[in-house]
């Protein structure tokens, strides 16, 4: 008879433990699902922003290429001007020395 009482107590405690474990797993699962949804939203937003950044960088590269050609031609004009000034000064200096 005593073993039957021990068995009933064991099954009662085990049943309570299983119910509590199930409830705990349910609550934890609920919060994990909410966290995963938030992470999904954040990653989607990050993907959108990365796409915007990539398109902005592409536009910037194209602008730099177009303006770079213009800047290159301006730089060559400026370089030619400086070269002429330097060679003209050398000629004038050389002409004064020979006189």
PDB file of N, CA and C in Angstrom:
ATOM      1  N   UNK A   1       0.826  -1.184   0.000  1.00  0.00           N
ATOM      2  CA  UNK A   1       0.000   0.000   0.000  1.00  0.00           C
ATOM      3  C   UNK A   1       0.873   1.251   0.000  1.00  0.00           C
ATOM      4  N   UNK A   2       1.947   1.173   0.743  1.00  0.00           N
ATOM      5  CA  UNK A   2       2.823   2.329   0.858  1.00  0.00           C
ATOM      6  C   UNK A   2       3.492   2.640  -0.478  1.00  0.00           C
ATOM      7  N   UNK A   3       3.830   1.612  -1.239  1.00  0.00           N
ATOM      8  CA  UNK A   3       4.450   1.842  -2.544  1.00  0.00           C
ATOM      9  C   UNK A   3       3.467   2.476  -3.517  1.00  0.00           C
ATOM     10  N   UNK A   4       2.186   2.168  -3.372  1.00  0.00           N
ATOM     11  CA  UNK A   4       1.171   2.784  -4.224  1.00  0.00           C
ATOM     12  C   UNK A   4       1.060   4.271  -3.944  1.00  0.00           C
ATOM     13  N   UNK A   5       1.155   4.665  -2.686  1.00  0.00           N
ATOM     14  CA  UNK A   5       1.102   6.087  -2.312  1.00  0.00           C
ATOM     15  C   UNK A   5       2.336   6.801  -2.865  1.00  0.00           C
ATOM     16  N   UNK A   6       3.506   6.171  -2.769  1.00  0.00           N
ATOM     17  CA  UNK A   6       4.728   6.757  -3.305  1.00  0.00           C
ATOM     18  C   UNK A   6       4.622   6.930  -4.824  1.00  0.00           C
ATOM     19  N   UNK A   7       4.044   5.952  -5.496  1.00  0.00           N
ATOM     20  CA  UNK A   7       3.877   6.027  -6.951  1.00  0.00           C
ATOM     21  C   UNK A   7       2.930   7.158  -7.314  1.00  0.00           C
ATOM     22  N   UNK A   8       1.830   7.309  -6.560  1.00  0.00           N
ATOM     23  CA  UNK A   8       0.882   8.391  -6.830  1.00  0.00           C
ATOM     24  C   UNK A   8       1.547   9.759  -6.621  1.00  0.00           C
ATOM     25  N   UNK A   9       2.322   9.895  -5.557  1.00  0.00           N
ATOM     26  CA  UNK A   9       3.017  11.162  -5.294  1.00  0.00           C
ATOM     27  C   UNK A   9       4.024  11.443  -6.422  1.00  0.00           C
ATOM     28  N   UNK A  10       4.745  10.411  -6.849  1.00  0.00           N
ATOM     29  CA  UNK A  10       5.721  10.580  -7.923  1.00  0.00           C
ATOM     30  C   UNK A  10       5.035  11.026  -9.213  1.00  0.00           C
ATOM     31  N   UNK A  11       3.940  10.386  -9.584  1.00  0.00           N
ATOM     32  CA  UNK A  11       3.239  10.760 -10.815  1.00  0.00           C
ATOM     33  C   UNK A  11       2.604  12.139 -10.714  1.00  0.00           C
ATOM     34  N   UNK A  12       2.116  12.509  -9.531  1.00  0.00           N
ATOM     35  CA  UNK A  12       1.540  13.843  -9.326  1.00  0.00           C
ATOM     36  C   UNK A  12       2.624  14.921  -9.516  1.00  0.00           C
ATOM     37  N   UNK A  13       3.782  14.734  -8.880  1.00  0.00           N
ATOM     38  CA  UNK A  13       4.878  15.702  -8.997  1.00  0.00           C
ATOM     39  C   UNK A  13       5.400  15.749 -10.438  1.00  0.00           C
ATOM     40  N   UNK A  14       5.505  14.587 -11.068  1.00  0.00           N
ATOM     41  CA  UNK A  14       5.965  14.537 -12.453  1.00  0.00           C
ATOM     42  C   UNK A  14       4.986  15.240 -13.375  1.00  0.00           C
ATOM     43  N   UNK A  15       3.696  15.073 -13.148  1.00  0.00           N
ATOM     44  CA  UNK A  15       2.687  15.739 -13.977  1.00  0.00           C
ATOM     45  C   UNK A  15       2.787  17.256 -13.839  1.00  0.00           C
ATOM     46  N   UNK A  16       2.971  17.743 -12.615  1.00  0.00           N
ATOM     47  CA  UNK A  16       3.119  19.189 -12.390  1.00  0.00           C
ATOM     48  C   UNK A  16       4.387  19.698 -13.087  1.00  0.00           C
ATOM     49  N   UNK A  17       5.478  18.947 -12.992  1.00  0.00           N
ATOM     50  CA  UNK A  17       6.728  19.349 -13.628  1.00  0.00           C
ATOM     51  C   UNK A  17       6.575  19.395 -15.151  1.00  0.00           C
ATOM     52  N   UNK A  18       5.881  18.433 -15.732  1.00  0.00           N
ATOM     53  CA  UNK A  18       5.671  18.410 -17.178  1.00  0.00           C
ATOM     54  C   UNK A  18       4.813  19.596 -17.607  1.00  0.00           C
ATOM     55  N   UNK A  19       3.769  19.895 -16.855  1.00  0.00           N
ATOM     56  CA  UNK A  19       2.913  21.040 -17.183  1.00  0.00           C
ATOM     57  C   UNK A  19       3.720  22.348 -17.101  1.00  0.00           C
ATOM     58  N   UNK A  20       4.507  22.512 -16.037  1.00  0.00           N
ATOM     59  CA  UNK A  20       5.326  23.725 -15.903  1.00  0.00           C
ATOM     60  C   UNK A  20       6.372  23.826 -17.014  1.00  0.00           C
ATOM     61  N   UNK A  21       6.993  22.706 -17.368  1.00  0.00           N
ATOM     62  CA  UNK A  21       7.987  22.706 -18.439  1.00  0.00           C
ATOM     63  C   UNK A  21       7.325  23.060 -19.773  1.00  0.00           C
ATOM     64  N   UNK A  22       6.151  22.532 -20.019  1.00  0.00           N
ATOM     65  CA  UNK A  22       5.429  22.829 -21.257  1.00  0.00           C
ATOM     66  C   UNK A  22       5.060  24.304 -21.328  1.00  0.00           C
ATOM     67  N   UNK A  23       4.566  24.850 -20.231  1.00  0.00           N
ATOM     68  CA  UNK A  23       4.224  26.281 -20.194  1.00  0.00           C
ATOM     69  C   UNK A  23       5.473  27.143 -20.398  1.00  0.00           C
ATOM     70  N   UNK A  24       6.559  26.758 -19.761  1.00  0.00           N
ATOM     71  CA  UNK A  24       7.806  27.514 -19.908  1.00  0.00           C
ATOM     72  C   UNK A  24       8.296  27.478 -21.350  1.00  0.00           C
ATOM     73  N   UNK A  25       8.262  26.316 -21.964  1.00  0.00           N
ATOM     74  CA  UNK A  25       8.679  26.186 -23.354  1.00  0.00           C
ATOM     75  C   UNK A  25       7.769  27.020 -24.263  1.00  0.00           C
ATOM     76  N   UNK A  26       6.477  27.034 -23.963  1.00  0.00           N
ATOM     77  CA  UNK A  26       5.533  27.843 -24.757  1.00  0.00           C
ATOM     78  C   UNK A  26       5.838  29.329 -24.654  1.00  0.00           C
ATOM     79  N   UNK A  27       6.086  29.822 -23.431  1.00  0.00           N
ATOM     80  CA  UNK A  27       6.391  31.243 -23.239  1.00  0.00           C
ATOM     81  C   UNK A  27       7.718  31.599 -23.913  1.00  0.00           C
ATOM     82  N   UNK A  28       8.717  30.752 -23.725  1.00  0.00           N
ATOM     83  CA  UNK A  28      10.022  31.005 -24.346  1.00  0.00           C
ATOM     84  C   UNK A  28       9.890  31.003 -25.874  1.00  0.00           C
ATOM     85  N   UNK A  29       9.129  30.067 -26.406  1.00  0.00           N
ATOM     86  CA  UNK A  29       8.924  30.004 -27.862  1.00  0.00           C
ATOM     87  C   UNK A  29       8.237  31.265 -28.377  1.00  0.00           C
ATOM     88  N   UNK A  30       7.255  31.771 -27.631  1.00  0.00           N
ATOM     89  CA  UNK A  30       6.565  32.993 -28.010  1.00  0.00           C
ATOM     90  C   UNK A  30       7.544  34.159 -28.136  1.00  0.00           C
ATOM     91  N   UNK A  31       8.410  34.322 -27.146  1.00  0.00           N
ATOM     92  CA  UNK A  31       9.377  35.423 -27.185  1.00  0.00           C
ATOM     93  C   UNK A  31      10.450  35.214 -28.261  1.00  0.00           C
ATOM     94  N   UNK A  32      10.855  33.982 -28.468  1.00  0.00           N
ATOM     95  CA  UNK A  32      11.841  33.704 -29.515  1.00  0.00           C
ATOM     96  C   UNK A  32      11.251  34.040 -30.885  1.00  0.00           C
ATOM     97  N   UNK A  33       9.986  33.703 -31.103  1.00  0.00           N
ATOM     98  CA  UNK A  33       9.337  34.026 -32.373  1.00  0.00           C
ATOM     99  C   UNK A  33       9.257  35.541 -32.560  1.00  0.00           C
ATOM    100  N   UNK A  34       8.925  36.280 -31.511  1.00  0.00           N
ATOM    101  CA  UNK A  34       8.877  37.747 -31.612  1.00  0.00           C
ATOM    102  C   UNK A  34      10.248  38.325 -31.920  1.00  0.00           C
ATOM    103  N   UNK A  35      11.275  37.803 -31.272  1.00  0.00           N
ATOM    104  CA  UNK A  35      12.638  38.281 -31.523  1.00  0.00           C
ATOM    105  C   UNK A  35      13.041  37.974 -32.963  1.00  0.00           C
ATOM    106  N   UNK A  36      12.736  36.790 -33.452  1.00  0.00           N
ATOM    107  CA  UNK A  36      13.085  36.422 -34.825  1.00  0.00           C
ATOM    108  C   UNK A  36      12.353  37.293 -35.846  1.00  0.00           C
ATOM    109  N   UNK A  37      11.103  37.667 -35.559  1.00  0.00           N
ATOM    110  CA  UNK A  37      10.379  38.576 -36.454  1.00  0.00           C
ATOM    111  C   UNK A  37      11.054  39.939 -36.485  1.00  0.00           C
ATOM    112  N   UNK A  38      11.464  40.428 -35.318  1.00  0.00           N
ATOM    113  CA  UNK A  38      12.164  41.711 -35.275  1.00  0.00           C
ATOM    114  C   UNK A  38      13.483  41.641 -36.042  1.00  0.00           C
ATOM    115  N   UNK A  39      14.206  40.548 -35.883  1.00  0.00           N
ATOM    116  CA  UNK A  39      15.473  40.379 -36.606  1.00  0.00           C
ATOM    117  C   UNK A  39      15.209  40.349 -38.110  1.00  0.00           C
ATOM    118  N   UNK A  40      14.131  39.683 -38.514  1.00  0.00           N
ATOM    119  CA  UNK A  40      13.777  39.633 -39.936  1.00  0.00           C
ATOM    120  C   UNK A  40      13.483  41.034 -40.457  1.00  0.00           C
ATOM    121  N   UNK A  41      12.722  41.825 -39.708  1.00  0.00           N
ATOM    122  CA  UNK A  41      12.427  43.201 -40.120  1.00  0.00           C
ATOM    123  C   UNK A  41      13.701  44.033 -40.224  1.00  0.00           C
ATOM    124  N   UNK A  42      14.587  43.859 -39.260  1.00  0.00           N
ATOM    125  CA  UNK A  42      15.845  44.626 -39.262  1.00  0.00           C
ATOM    126  C   UNK A  42      16.700  44.237 -40.462  1.00  0.00           C
ATOM    127  N   UNK A  43      16.781  42.950 -40.767  1.00  0.00           N
ATOM    128  CA  UNK A  43      17.603  42.528 -41.904  1.00  0.00           C
ATOM    129  C   UNK A  43      17.010  43.006 -43.226  1.00  0.00           C
ATOM    130  N   UNK A  44      15.687  43.018 -43.333  1.00  0.00           N
ATOM    131  CA  UNK A  44      15.060  43.537 -44.554  1.00  0.00           C
ATOM    132  C   UNK A  44      15.359  45.025 -44.712  1.00  0.00           C
ATOM    133  N   UNK A  45      15.274  45.773 -43.620  1.00  0.00           N
ATOM    134  CA  UNK A  45      15.595  47.207 -43.663  1.00  0.00           C
ATOM    135  C   UNK A  45      17.065  47.417 -44.033  1.00  0.00           C
ATOM    136  N   UNK A  46      17.936  46.598 -43.468  1.00  0.00           N
ATOM    137  CA  UNK A  46      19.366  46.707 -43.784  1.00  0.00           C
ATOM    138  C   UNK A  46      19.607  46.401 -45.261  1.00  0.00           C
ATOM    139  N   UNK A  47      18.924  45.402 -45.812  1.00  0.00           N
ATOM    140  CA  UNK A  47      19.069  45.084 -47.236  1.00  0.00           C
ATOM    141  C   UNK A  47      18.633  46.263 -48.108  1.00  0.00           C
ATOM    142  N   UNK A  48      17.494  46.881 -47.739  1.00  0.00           N
ATOM    143  CA  UNK A  48      17.025  48.040 -48.509  1.00  0.00           C
ATOM    144  C   UNK A  48      18.045  49.171 -48.463  1.00  0.00           C
ATOM    145  N   UNK A  49      18.569  49.434 -47.288  1.00  0.00           N
ATOM    146  CA  UNK A  49      19.536  50.523 -47.150  1.00  0.00           C
ATOM    147  C   UNK A  49      20.830  50.220 -47.902  1.00  0.00           C
ATOM    148  N   UNK A  50      21.256  48.970 -47.878  1.00  0.00           N
ATOM    149  CA  UNK A  50      22.465  48.597 -48.610  1.00  0.00           C
ATOM    150  C   UNK A  50      22.239  48.790 -50.106  1.00  0.00           C
ATOM    151  N   UNK A  51      21.052  48.442 -50.592  1.00  0.00           N
ATOM    152  CA  UNK A  51      20.754  48.666 -52.010  1.00  0.00           C
ATOM    153  C   UNK A  51      20.818  50.148 -52.353  1.00  0.00           C
ATOM    154  N   UNK A  52      20.280  50.990 -51.457  1.00  0.00           N
ATOM    155  CA  UNK A  52      20.346  52.439 -51.681  1.00  0.00           C
ATOM    156  C   UNK A  52      21.799  52.918 -51.690  1.00  0.00           C
ATOM    157  N   UNK A  53      22.581  52.420 -50.763  1.00  0.00           N
ATOM    158  CA  UNK A  53      23.989  52.831 -50.685  1.00  0.00           C
ATOM    159  C   UNK A  53      24.731  52.402 -51.945  1.00  0.00           C
ATOM    160  N   UNK A  54      24.464  51.183 -52.412  1.00  0.00           N
ATOM    161  CA  UNK A  54      25.131  50.690 -53.621  1.00  0.00           C
ATOM    162  C   UNK A  54      24.754  51.560 -54.817  1.00  0.00           C
ATOM    163  N   UNK A  55      23.482  51.909 -54.929  1.00  0.00           N
ATOM    164  CA  UNK A  55      23.079  52.756 -56.060  1.00  0.00           C
ATOM    165  C   UNK A  55      23.686  54.148 -55.934  1.00  0.00           C
ATOM    166  N   UNK A  56      23.769  54.686 -54.717  1.00  0.00           N
ATOM    167  CA  UNK A  56      24.399  55.991 -54.521  1.00  0.00           C
ATOM    168  C   UNK A  56      25.873  55.956 -54.884  1.00  0.00           C
ATOM    169  N   UNK A  57      26.557  54.907 -54.488  1.00  0.00           N
ATOM    170  CA  UNK A  57      27.978  54.783 -54.811  1.00  0.00           C
ATOM    171  C   UNK A  57      28.159  54.635 -56.321  1.00  0.00           C
ATOM    172  N   UNK A  58      27.273  53.891 -56.975  1.00  0.00           N
ATOM    173  CA  UNK A  58      27.361  53.750 -58.437  1.00  0.00           C
ATOM    174  C   UNK A  58      27.176  55.097 -59.114  1.00  0.00           C
ATOM    175  N   UNK A  59      26.186  55.865 -58.644  1.00  0.00           N
ATOM    176  CA  UNK A  59      25.972  57.203 -59.199  1.00  0.00           C
ATOM    177  C   UNK A  59      27.185  58.088 -58.955  1.00  0.00           C
ATOM    178  N   UNK A  60      27.760  58.001 -57.772  1.00  0.00           N
ATOM    179  CA  UNK A  60      28.937  58.799 -57.449  1.00  0.00           C
ATOM    180  C   UNK A  60      30.100  58.430 -58.367  1.00  0.00           C
ATOM    181  N   UNK A  61      30.293  57.142 -58.605  1.00  0.00           N
ATOM    182  CA  UNK A  61      31.362  56.705 -59.504  1.00  0.00           C
ATOM    183  C   UNK A  61      31.147  57.245 -60.902  1.00  0.00           C
ATOM    184  N   UNK A  62      29.904  57.184 -61.389  1.00  0.00           N
ATOM    185  CA  UNK A  62      29.614  57.695 -62.729  1.00  0.00           C
ATOM    186  C   UNK A  62      29.878  59.202 -62.797  1.00  0.00           C
ATOM    187  N   UNK A  63      29.442  59.927 -61.752  1.00  0.00           N
ATOM    188  CA  UNK A  63      29.688  61.370 -61.714  1.00  0.00           C
ATOM    189  C   UNK A  63      31.177  61.665 -61.693  1.00  0.00           C
ATOM    190  N   UNK A  64      31.917  60.912 -60.913  1.00  0.00           N
ATOM    191  CA  UNK A  64      33.364  61.121 -60.852  1.00  0.00           C
ATOM    192  C   UNK A  64      34.029  60.815 -62.182  1.00  0.00           C
ATOM    193  N   UNK A  65      33.536  59.779 -62.860  1.00  0.00           N
ATOM    194  CA  UNK A  65      34.102  59.458 -64.165  1.00  0.00           C
ATOM    195  C   UNK A  65      33.854  60.602 -65.151  1.00  0.00           C
ATOM    196  N   UNK A  66      32.609  61.110 -65.164  1.00  0.00           N
ATOM    197  CA  UNK A  66      32.277  62.202 -66.079  1.00  0.00           C
ATOM    198  C   UNK A  66      33.040  63.472 -65.714  1.00  0.00           C
ATOM    199  N   UNK A  67      33.025  63.832 -64.442  1.00  0.00           N
ATOM    200  CA  UNK A  67      33.712  65.039 -64.008  1.00  0.00           C
ATOM    201  C   UNK A  67      35.223  64.843 -64.048  1.00  0.00           C
ATOM    202  N   UNK A  68      35.655  63.625 -63.868  1.00  0.00           N
ATOM    203  CA  UNK A  68      37.080  63.338 -63.908  1.00  0.00           C
ATOM    204  C   UNK A  68      37.654  63.623 -65.283  1.00  0.00           C
ATOM    205  N   UNK A  69      36.900  63.297 -66.321  1.00  0.00           N
ATOM    206  CA  UNK A  69      37.347  63.600 -67.678  1.00  0.00           C
ATOM    207  C   UNK A  69      37.472  65.104 -67.856  1.00  0.00           C
ATOM    208  N   UNK A  70      36.492  65.839 -67.349  1.00  0.00           N
ATOM    209  CA  UNK A  70      36.551  67.291 -67.424  1.00  0.00           C
ATOM    210  C   UNK A  70      37.693  67.836 -66.597  1.00  0.00           C
ATOM    211  N   UNK A  71      37.880  67.282 -65.409  1.00  0.00           N
ATOM    212  CA  UNK A  71      38.983  67.726 -64.559  1.00  0.00           C
ATOM    213  C   UNK A  71      40.324  67.380 -65.180  1.00  0.00           C
ATOM    214  N   UNK A  72      40.383  66.235 -65.839  1.00  0.00           N
ATOM    215  CA  UNK A  72      41.627  65.830 -66.490  1.00  0.00           C
ATOM    216  C   UNK A  72      41.986  66.802 -67.605  1.00  0.00           C
ATOM    217  N   UNK A  73      40.999  67.207 -68.385  1.00  0.00           N
ATOM    218  CA  UNK A  73      41.286  68.168 -69.459  1.00  0.00           C
ATOM    219  C   UNK A  73      41.671  69.517 -68.867  1.00  0.00           C
ATOM    220  N   UNK A  74      41.022  69.926 -67.785  1.00  0.00           N
ATOM    221  CA  UNK A  74      41.390  71.186 -67.127  1.00  0.00           C
ATOM    222  C   UNK A  74      42.790  71.095 -66.537  1.00  0.00           C
ATOM    223  N   UNK A  75      43.112  69.945 -65.990  1.00  0.00           N
ATOM    224  CA  UNK A  75      44.445  69.752 -65.414  1.00  0.00           C
ATOM    225  C   UNK A  75      45.496  69.786 -66.509  1.00  0.00           C
ATOM    226  N   UNK A  76      45.202  69.202 -67.658  1.00  0.00           N
ATOM    227  CA  UNK A  76      46.182  69.229 -68.749  1.00  0.00           C
ATOM    228  C   UNK A  76      46.364  70.651 -69.265  1.00  0.00           C
ATOM    229  N   UNK A  77      45.288  71.426 -69.339  1.00  0.00           N
ATOM    230  CA  UNK A  77      45.403  72.827 -69.755  1.00  0.00           C
ATOM    231  C   UNK A  77      46.252  73.591 -68.745  1.00  0.00           C
ATOM    232  N   UNK A  78      45.975  73.379 -67.455  1.00  0.00           N
ATOM    233  CA  UNK A  78      46.749  74.042 -66.407  1.00  0.00           C
ATOM    234  C   UNK A  78      48.211  73.596 -66.463  1.00  0.00           C
ATOM    235  N   UNK A  79      48.447  72.327 -66.714  1.00  0.00           N
ATOM    236  CA  UNK A  79      49.810  71.814 -66.820  1.00  0.00           C
ATOM    237  C   UNK A  79      50.544  72.436 -67.996  1.00  0.00           C
ATOM    238  N   UNK A  80      49.861  72.560 -69.114  1.00  0.00           N
ATOM    239  CA  UNK A  80      50.468  73.207 -70.283  1.00  0.00           C
ATOM    240  C   UNK A  80      50.803  74.664 -69.989  1.00  0.00           C
ATOM    241  N   UNK A  81      49.900  75.344 -69.312  1.00  0.00           N
ATOM    242  CA  UNK A  81      50.127  76.746 -68.966  1.00  0.00           C
ATOM    243  C   UNK A  81      51.351  76.883 -68.066  1.00  0.00           C
ATOM    244  N   UNK A  82      51.441  76.031 -67.057  1.00  0.00           N
ATOM    245  CA  UNK A  82      52.579  76.078 -66.132  1.00  0.00           C
ATOM    246  C   UNK A  82      53.871  75.733 -66.871  1.00  0.00           C
ATOM    247  N   UNK A  83      53.809  74.744 -67.740  1.00  0.00           N
ATOM    248  CA  UNK A  83      54.992  74.361 -68.504  1.00  0.00           C
ATOM    249  C   UNK A  83      55.469  75.529 -69.379  1.00  0.00           C
ATOM    250  N   UNK A  84      54.534  76.221 -70.024  1.00  0.00           N
ATOM    251  CA  UNK A  84      54.900  77.369 -70.852  1.00  0.00           C
ATOM    252  C   UNK A  84      55.525  78.479 -70.027  1.00  0.00           C
ATOM    253  N   UNK A  85      54.955  78.734 -68.836  1.00  0.00           N
ATOM    254  CA  UNK A  85      55.496  79.784 -67.973  1.00  0.00           C
ATOM    255  C   UNK A  85      56.913  79.440 -67.526  1.00  0.00           C
ATOM    256  N   UNK A  86      57.138  78.189 -67.159  1.00  0.00           N
ATOM    257  CA  UNK A  86      58.458  77.772 -66.684  1.00  0.00           C
ATOM    258  C   UNK A  86      59.471  77.851 -67.813  1.00  0.00           C
ATOM    259  N   UNK A  87      59.112  77.360 -68.984  1.00  0.00           N
ATOM    260  CA  UNK A  87      60.059  77.393 -70.103  1.00  0.00           C
ATOM    261  C   UNK A  87      60.299  78.822 -70.574  1.00  0.00           C
ATOM    262  N   UNK A  88      59.266  79.679 -70.482  1.00  0.00           N
ATOM    263  CA  UNK A  88      59.433  81.075 -70.874  1.00  0.00           C
ATOM    264  C   UNK A  88      60.389  81.776 -69.920  1.00  0.00           C
ATOM    265  N   UNK A  89      60.269  81.502 -68.642  1.00  0.00           N
ATOM    266  CA  UNK A  89      61.165  82.090 -67.653  1.00  0.00           C
ATOM    267  C   UNK A  89      62.605  81.640 -67.877  1.00  0.00           C
ATOM    268  N   UNK A  90      62.759  80.352 -68.194  1.00  0.00           N
ATOM    269  CA  UNK A  90      64.111  79.836 -68.453  1.00  0.00           C
ATOM    270  C   UNK A  90      64.702  80.508 -69.682  1.00  0.00           C
ATOM    271  N   UNK A  91      63.885  80.706 -70.715  1.00  0.00           N
ATOM    272  CA  UNK A  91      64.368  81.348 -71.935  1.00  0.00           C
ATOM    273  C   UNK A  91      64.792  82.789 -71.653  1.00  0.00           C
ATOM    274  N   UNK A  92      63.919  83.499 -70.858  1.00  0.00           N
ATOM    275  CA  UNK A  92      64.233  84.888 -70.535  1.00  0.00           C
ATOM    276  C   UNK A  92      65.510  84.957 -69.708  1.00  0.00           C
ATOM    277  N   UNK A  93      65.620  84.055 -68.752  1.00  0.00           N
ATOM    278  CA  UNK A  93      66.792  84.015 -67.873  1.00  0.00           C
ATOM    279  C   UNK A  93      68.038  83.680 -68.698  1.00  0.00           C
ATOM    280  N   UNK A  94      67.905  82.730 -69.597  1.00  0.00           N
ATOM    281  CA  UNK A  94      69.021  82.325 -70.445  1.00  0.00           C
ATOM    282  C   UNK A  94      69.407  83.463 -71.417  1.00  0.00           C
ATOM    283  N   UNK A  95      68.402  84.167 -71.896  1.00  0.00           N
ATOM    284  CA  UNK A  95      68.668  85.286 -72.815  1.00  0.00           C
ATOM    285  C   UNK A  95      69.396  86.410 -72.097  1.00  0.00           C
ATOM    286  N   UNK A  96      69.042  86.704 -70.834  1.00  0.00           N
ATOM    287  CA  UNK A  96      69.712  87.765 -70.067  1.00  0.00           C
ATOM    288  C   UNK A  96      71.162  87.382 -69.780  1.00  0.00           C
ATOM    289  N   UNK A  97      71.406  86.105 -69.532  1.00  0.00           N
ATOM    290  CA  UNK A  97      72.754  85.652 -69.223  1.00  0.00           C
ATOM    291  C   UNK A  97      73.664  85.729 -70.445  1.00  0.00           C
ATOM    292  N   UNK A  98      73.130  85.517 -71.612  1.00  0.00           N
ATOM    293  CA  UNK A  98      73.941  85.520 -72.819  1.00  0.00           C
ATOM    294  C   UNK A  98      74.226  86.935 -73.314  1.00  0.00           C
ATOM    295  N   UNK A  99      73.482  87.925 -72.893  1.00  0.00           N
ATOM    296  CA  UNK A  99      73.674  89.301 -73.346  1.00  0.00           C
ATOM    297  C   UNK A  99      74.825  89.926 -72.707  1.00  0.00           C
TER     298      UNK A  99
END
